[in-house]
Amino acid sequence: MNLSAITVSFPIDMETYNELNGLCETAEQADLKSYRSVMNLAIAKSYEARGFFVLIYDDAREVLVGAASAVDLMGLNTYEWSILVDPMYRQIGVGEALINVLREAFSARGSEGDLALTVDGAHFGAEFLLKIGYRYSFSEATLEAKAEVATADFSFLMRKFEKKDVDALVEIFTQGFGDTYEESLDLIAFNTSTEGLCLWVAERDGEVIGTITTRKEGDAHWVTAFAVNPKFGGQGIGSEMLAWVKDYVLRSGENSVMLDVEVDNSHALFIYEKNGFMISTQVNYFVFVG
């Protein structure tokens, strides 16, 4: 069997996208797991996203049999990556070949770090990562809620971010996420300069009481950087903001709202589930320790 590997950067062409989509479909049918998110298909054709794929083909059949996806989400030259192998090719070393080419690609790009992602319970999992020098770090659950019309008026004005909001958002991010001042500024810059992201601010009586960022992907909107000013905690502001997002997404013509939350954040999970979000998948993250 002759296998060949190539590396292609984002954005990929439609033919390659269709090959990757087909690989995901084949693996999903066999494993009953969803892989499109960890394989970054939603952003693979974007000129703004920084990432690449390693692709392995069976030359005799001219078919894609394995892929690694790596993306630099924050533009800091650190990559989150995952691999996927056709179920028919999982016992012949395709996974190891993908890792080798992936590491070469990281070295060529001067990568300053990486996180390995695996769908919880999937074939490519902890045992393989531990064998090649990674250790478990944390897990995130993807939650989904149906877009719907808000049933009550909101106690705030939701508007797009303006430069005057920087100080207020830095305070919210440093207190709510534990970020440093510089990290908060980086997050604001990323969420206001990246194509597809929209940074929103909830304002009441001239004061910023919360913030949320949305990103459209297909027929859904993803929610990130969701936080409430600690001074207004316990007033139901978070639930109101989630209701606003579901209403906004419905008015935008999409069907659902998606978000990620760390599995050990039981308080956040409780809030989301109380507001109609249900866990759809769990992704486990691993760091390289050598």
Protein backbone atom coordinates (compact mmCIF):
# COMPACT_ATOMS: atom_id res chain seq x y z
CA MET A 1 0.00 0.00 0.00
CA ASN A 2 1.41 3.37 -1.03
CA LEU A 3 0.52 6.31 1.22
CA SER A 4 1.53 9.92 0.62
CA ALA A 5 1.29 12.98 2.87
CA ILE A 6 0.92 16.66 2.05
CA THR A 7 0.49 19.80 4.16
CA VAL A 8 -1.98 22.50 3.09
CA SER A 9 -2.63 25.84 4.79
CA PHE A 10 -5.95 27.57 5.35
CA PRO A 11 -7.91 28.46 3.30
CA ILE A 12 -8.37 25.13 1.55
CA ASP A 13 -10.07 24.65 -1.81
CA MET A 14 -13.51 23.13 -2.25
CA GLU A 15 -12.20 19.76 -3.44
CA THR A 16 -10.08 19.34 -0.31
CA TYR A 17 -12.95 20.52 1.87
CA ASN A 18 -15.22 17.89 0.35
CA GLU A 19 -12.59 15.20 0.94
CA LEU A 20 -12.28 16.20 4.60
CA ASN A 21 -16.04 16.34 5.00
CA GLY A 22 -16.27 12.85 3.54
CA LEU A 23 -13.61 11.57 5.96
CA CYS A 24 -15.58 13.05 8.87
CA GLU A 25 -18.80 11.43 7.65
CA THR A 26 -17.13 8.00 7.36
CA ALA A 27 -15.61 8.21 10.86
CA GLU A 28 -18.80 9.62 12.40
CA GLN A 29 -20.89 6.77 11.03
CA ALA A 30 -18.46 4.23 12.46
CA ASP A 31 -17.84 5.89 15.83
CA LEU A 32 -21.15 7.69 16.45
CA LYS A 33 -19.14 10.79 17.36
CA SER A 34 -19.04 14.27 15.85
CA TYR A 35 -15.64 15.34 14.48
CA ARG A 36 -16.32 18.41 12.32
CA SER A 37 -15.71 20.88 15.13
CA VAL A 38 -12.34 19.51 16.29
CA MET A 39 -11.28 19.19 12.64
CA ASN A 40 -12.05 22.91 12.13
CA LEU A 41 -14.14 22.44 8.99
CA ALA A 42 -16.19 25.55 9.74
CA ILE A 43 -13.16 27.83 9.37
CA ALA A 44 -11.03 25.79 6.96
CA LYS A 45 -12.02 27.95 3.96
CA SER A 46 -11.50 31.25 5.76
CA TYR A 47 -8.69 33.60 4.72
CA GLU A 48 -8.65 35.03 8.25
CA ALA A 49 -8.08 31.76 10.13
CA ARG A 50 -4.49 30.68 10.77
CA GLY A 51 -4.10 26.95 10.43
CA PHE A 52 -3.21 23.99 8.27
CA PHE A 53 -4.03 20.37 7.52
CA VAL A 54 -1.80 17.34 7.13
CA LEU A 55 -3.46 15.01 4.62
CA ILE A 56 -2.61 11.36 3.99
CA TYR A 57 -3.85 9.64 0.83
CA ASP A 58 -4.02 6.04 -0.32
CA ASP A 59 -2.44 6.60 -3.73
CA ALA A 60 -3.83 3.40 -5.25
CA ARG A 61 -7.42 4.35 -4.42
CA GLU A 62 -6.81 8.11 -4.69
CA VAL A 63 -8.73 8.66 -1.47
CA LEU A 64 -8.08 10.66 1.72
CA VAL A 65 -7.56 8.20 4.58
CA GLY A 66 -6.27 10.42 7.40
CA ALA A 67 -5.96 14.07 8.39
CA ALA A 68 -4.56 16.26 11.11
CA SER A 69 -6.01 19.73 11.67
CA ALA A 70 -4.08 22.45 13.49
CA VAL A 71 -5.25 26.01 14.14
CA ASP A 72 -3.67 29.04 15.81
CA LEU A 73 -6.83 30.49 17.32
CA MET A 74 -5.32 33.51 19.08
CA GLY A 75 -2.56 34.37 16.62
CA LEU A 76 0.12 33.60 19.22
CA ASN A 77 1.83 30.82 17.21
CA THR A 78 0.40 28.15 19.50
CA TYR A 79 -1.74 25.45 17.93
CA GLU A 80 -4.71 23.32 18.89
CA TRP A 81 -4.76 20.12 16.86
CA SER A 82 -6.61 16.88 16.32
CA ILE A 83 -6.28 13.89 14.01
CA LEU A 84 -8.81 11.67 12.28
CA VAL A 85 -8.20 8.37 10.47
CA ASP A 86 -10.57 6.38 8.26
CA PRO A 87 -11.70 3.34 10.32
CA MET A 88 -10.36 1.00 7.61
CA TYR A 89 -6.83 2.40 8.04
CA ARG A 90 -6.50 2.62 11.82
CA GLN A 91 -4.23 -0.36 12.40
CA ILE A 92 -1.46 0.40 9.90
CA GLY A 93 0.27 3.42 11.44
CA VAL A 94 -1.57 6.28 9.73
CA GLY A 95 -1.99 8.06 13.07
CA GLU A 96 1.73 7.89 13.82
CA ALA A 97 2.53 9.16 10.31
CA LEU A 98 0.20 12.13 10.82
CA ILE A 99 1.88 13.00 14.12
CA ASN A 100 5.35 12.91 12.54
CA VAL A 101 4.39 15.24 9.70
CA LEU A 102 2.46 17.46 12.12
CA ARG A 103 5.54 17.89 14.33
CA GLU A 104 7.63 18.77 11.29
CA ALA A 105 5.05 21.40 10.36
CA PHE A 106 5.12 22.86 13.89
CA SER A 107 8.91 23.05 13.76
CA ALA A 108 8.86 24.73 10.34
CA ARG A 109 6.43 27.35 11.66
CA GLY A 110 8.40 27.96 14.84
CA SER A 111 5.45 26.91 17.00
CA GLU A 112 5.71 28.00 20.62
CA GLY A 113 3.34 25.34 21.96
CA ASP A 114 0.42 23.08 21.20
CA LEU A 115 -2.66 21.44 22.69
CA ALA A 116 -3.97 18.10 21.45
CA LEU A 117 -7.75 17.68 21.25
CA THR A 118 -9.68 14.43 21.25
CA VAL A 119 -13.41 13.82 21.33
CA ASP A 120 -14.30 12.03 24.54
CA GLY A 121 -14.69 8.30 23.93
CA ALA A 122 -13.39 8.46 20.35
CA HIS A 123 -10.94 6.01 18.82
CA PHE A 124 -8.15 8.59 18.82
CA GLY A 125 -7.94 9.14 22.57
CA ALA A 126 -5.97 9.33 25.75
CA GLU A 127 -4.07 6.07 25.37
CA PHE A 128 -2.53 7.14 22.06
CA LEU A 129 -1.65 10.62 23.32
CA LEU A 130 -0.08 9.31 26.52
CA LYS A 131 2.05 6.96 24.43
CA ILE A 132 3.50 9.84 22.39
CA GLY A 133 4.29 12.08 25.36
CA TYR A 134 1.13 14.04 26.14
CA ARG A 135 -0.75 14.26 29.44
CA TYR A 136 -4.33 15.20 30.24
CA SER A 137 -4.92 18.89 31.02
CA PHE A 138 -8.67 19.68 31.03
CA SER A 139 -11.97 18.99 29.29
CA GLU A 140 -14.55 21.21 27.63
CA ALA A 141 -18.15 20.37 26.93
CA THR A 142 -19.96 21.79 23.91
CA LEU A 143 -23.47 22.84 24.79
CA GLU A 144 -26.29 23.63 22.40
CA ALA A 145 -29.60 25.47 22.76
CA LYS A 146 -32.38 26.12 20.29
CA ALA A 147 -32.76 29.69 19.05
CA GLU A 148 -36.06 31.15 20.23
CA VAL A 149 -38.01 34.37 20.66
CA ALA A 150 -37.42 36.16 23.97
CA THR A 151 -40.54 36.07 26.16
CA ALA A 152 -39.75 39.24 28.15
CA ASP A 153 -38.18 42.64 27.68
CA PHE A 154 -34.52 43.04 28.56
CA SER A 155 -33.27 45.19 31.43
CA PHE A 156 -30.30 46.38 29.38
CA LEU A 157 -29.33 47.71 25.98
CA MET A 158 -27.22 45.26 23.98
CA ARG A 159 -24.96 47.04 21.50
CA LYS A 160 -21.74 46.44 19.60
CA PHE A 161 -18.41 47.21 21.26
CA GLU A 162 -17.02 50.73 21.14
CA LYS A 163 -13.52 51.93 22.06
CA LYS A 164 -14.87 53.66 25.16
CA ASP A 165 -15.73 50.20 26.58
CA VAL A 166 -12.13 48.98 26.85
CA ASP A 167 -11.56 49.79 30.53
CA ALA A 168 -14.89 48.32 31.60
CA LEU A 169 -14.28 45.10 29.67
CA VAL A 170 -10.74 44.76 31.01
CA GLU A 171 -12.18 44.96 34.52
CA ILE A 172 -14.81 42.32 33.71
CA PHE A 173 -12.30 39.96 32.10
CA THR A 174 -9.68 40.31 34.84
CA GLN A 175 -12.23 39.69 37.58
CA GLY A 176 -14.38 37.15 35.76
CA PHE A 177 -11.72 35.09 33.93
CA GLY A 178 -8.63 35.83 36.02
CA ASP A 179 -6.89 37.28 32.95
CA THR A 180 -4.06 39.76 33.24
CA TYR A 181 -4.45 43.30 31.92
CA GLU A 182 -2.47 42.42 28.79
CA GLU A 183 -4.43 39.19 28.23
CA SER A 184 -7.68 41.11 28.47
CA LEU A 185 -6.49 43.63 25.89
CA ASP A 186 -5.41 40.76 23.60
CA LEU A 187 -8.85 39.14 23.94
CA ILE A 188 -10.62 42.39 23.09
CA ALA A 189 -8.33 42.94 20.09
CA PHE A 190 -8.87 39.40 18.83
CA ASN A 191 -12.67 39.55 19.22
CA THR A 192 -12.90 42.88 17.43
CA SER A 193 -10.49 42.21 14.55
CA THR A 194 -11.22 38.61 13.58
CA GLU A 195 -13.60 38.03 10.68
CA GLY A 196 -16.92 36.57 11.80
CA LEU A 197 -16.62 37.58 15.45
CA CYS A 198 -18.83 40.26 16.96
CA LEU A 199 -18.17 41.66 20.45
CA TRP A 200 -21.33 42.83 22.22
CA VAL A 201 -21.72 44.97 25.34
CA ALA A 202 -24.72 44.98 27.69
CA GLU A 203 -25.28 48.48 29.05
CA ARG A 204 -27.70 49.76 31.67
CA ASP A 205 -27.95 53.36 32.85
CA GLY A 206 -24.70 54.14 31.05
CA GLU A 207 -22.74 51.36 32.78
CA VAL A 208 -21.37 48.20 31.18
CA ILE A 209 -22.89 45.25 33.03
CA GLY A 210 -21.82 42.38 30.80
CA THR A 211 -20.30 41.24 27.52
CA ILE A 212 -20.60 38.42 25.04
CA THR A 213 -19.02 37.57 21.67
CA THR A 214 -20.81 35.72 18.87
CA ARG A 215 -19.50 33.91 15.80
CA LYS A 216 -21.68 32.54 13.00
CA GLU A 217 -20.91 29.03 11.77
CA GLY A 218 -23.37 27.44 9.38
CA ASP A 219 -26.85 27.52 10.87
CA ALA A 220 -25.58 28.21 14.39
CA HIS A 221 -23.92 31.00 16.35
CA TRP A 222 -21.11 30.25 18.80
CA VAL A 223 -20.85 32.20 22.05
CA THR A 224 -17.47 33.07 23.59
CA ALA A 225 -16.06 35.52 26.15
CA PHE A 226 -19.39 35.60 28.03
CA ALA A 227 -19.11 37.45 31.35
CA VAL A 228 -21.15 39.59 33.72
CA ASN A 229 -19.76 42.52 35.68
CA PRO A 230 -19.25 41.05 39.20
CA LYS A 231 -21.05 44.06 40.70
CA PHE A 232 -24.25 42.80 39.08
CA GLY A 233 -23.90 39.15 40.01
CA GLY A 234 -26.96 37.32 41.33
CA GLN A 235 -29.42 39.55 39.44
CA GLY A 236 -30.15 37.18 36.56
CA ILE A 237 -28.16 39.27 34.08
CA GLY A 238 -26.41 36.19 32.68
CA SER A 239 -29.71 34.43 31.99
CA GLU A 240 -31.05 37.57 30.32
CA MET A 241 -27.99 37.79 28.09
CA LEU A 242 -28.36 34.16 27.02
CA ALA A 243 -32.03 34.82 26.22
CA TRP A 244 -30.95 37.83 24.16
CA VAL A 245 -28.48 35.70 22.19
CA LYS A 246 -31.10 33.04 21.41
CA ASP A 247 -33.49 35.75 20.24
CA TYR A 248 -30.76 37.47 18.18
CA VAL A 249 -29.77 34.19 16.51
CA LEU A 250 -33.37 33.40 15.60
CA ARG A 251 -33.86 36.88 14.12
CA SER A 252 -30.63 36.36 12.15
CA GLY A 253 -32.13 33.29 10.50
CA GLU A 254 -30.14 30.59 12.29
CA ASN A 255 -31.36 27.69 14.40
CA SER A 256 -29.12 27.17 17.39
CA VAL A 257 -26.63 28.63 19.86
CA MET A 258 -23.43 26.77 20.73
CA LEU A 259 -20.83 27.34 23.43
CA ASP A 260 -17.94 25.61 25.18
CA VAL A 261 -17.44 25.39 28.93
CA GLU A 262 -14.86 23.59 31.05
CA VAL A 263 -16.36 20.42 32.49
CA ASP A 264 -15.17 21.14 36.04
CA ASN A 265 -16.93 24.54 36.03
CA SER A 266 -20.05 23.20 37.71
CA HIS A 267 -21.52 26.66 38.37
CA ALA A 268 -21.37 27.65 34.69
CA LEU A 269 -22.77 24.27 33.63
CA PHE A 270 -25.69 24.77 36.01
CA ILE A 271 -26.42 28.24 34.60
CA TYR A 272 -26.31 27.06 31.00
CA GLU A 273 -28.44 23.97 31.60
CA LYS A 274 -30.96 26.08 33.52
CA ASN A 275 -31.23 28.25 30.41
CA GLY A 276 -31.95 25.41 28.02
CA PHE A 277 -28.43 24.36 26.94
CA MET A 278 -27.68 20.65 26.64
CA ILE A 279 -24.29 18.92 26.33
CA SER A 280 -23.71 17.62 22.81
CA THR A 281 -20.04 16.62 22.89
CA GLN A 282 -17.02 16.68 25.20
CA VAL A 283 -13.48 17.45 24.04
CA ASN A 284 -10.44 16.51 26.13
CA TYR A 285 -7.24 18.57 25.96
CA PHE A 286 -3.71 17.24 26.38
CA VAL A 287 -0.35 19.04 26.70
CA PHE A 288 3.02 17.73 25.53
CA VAL A 289 5.42 16.86 28.35
CA GLY A 290 7.95 14.81 26.36
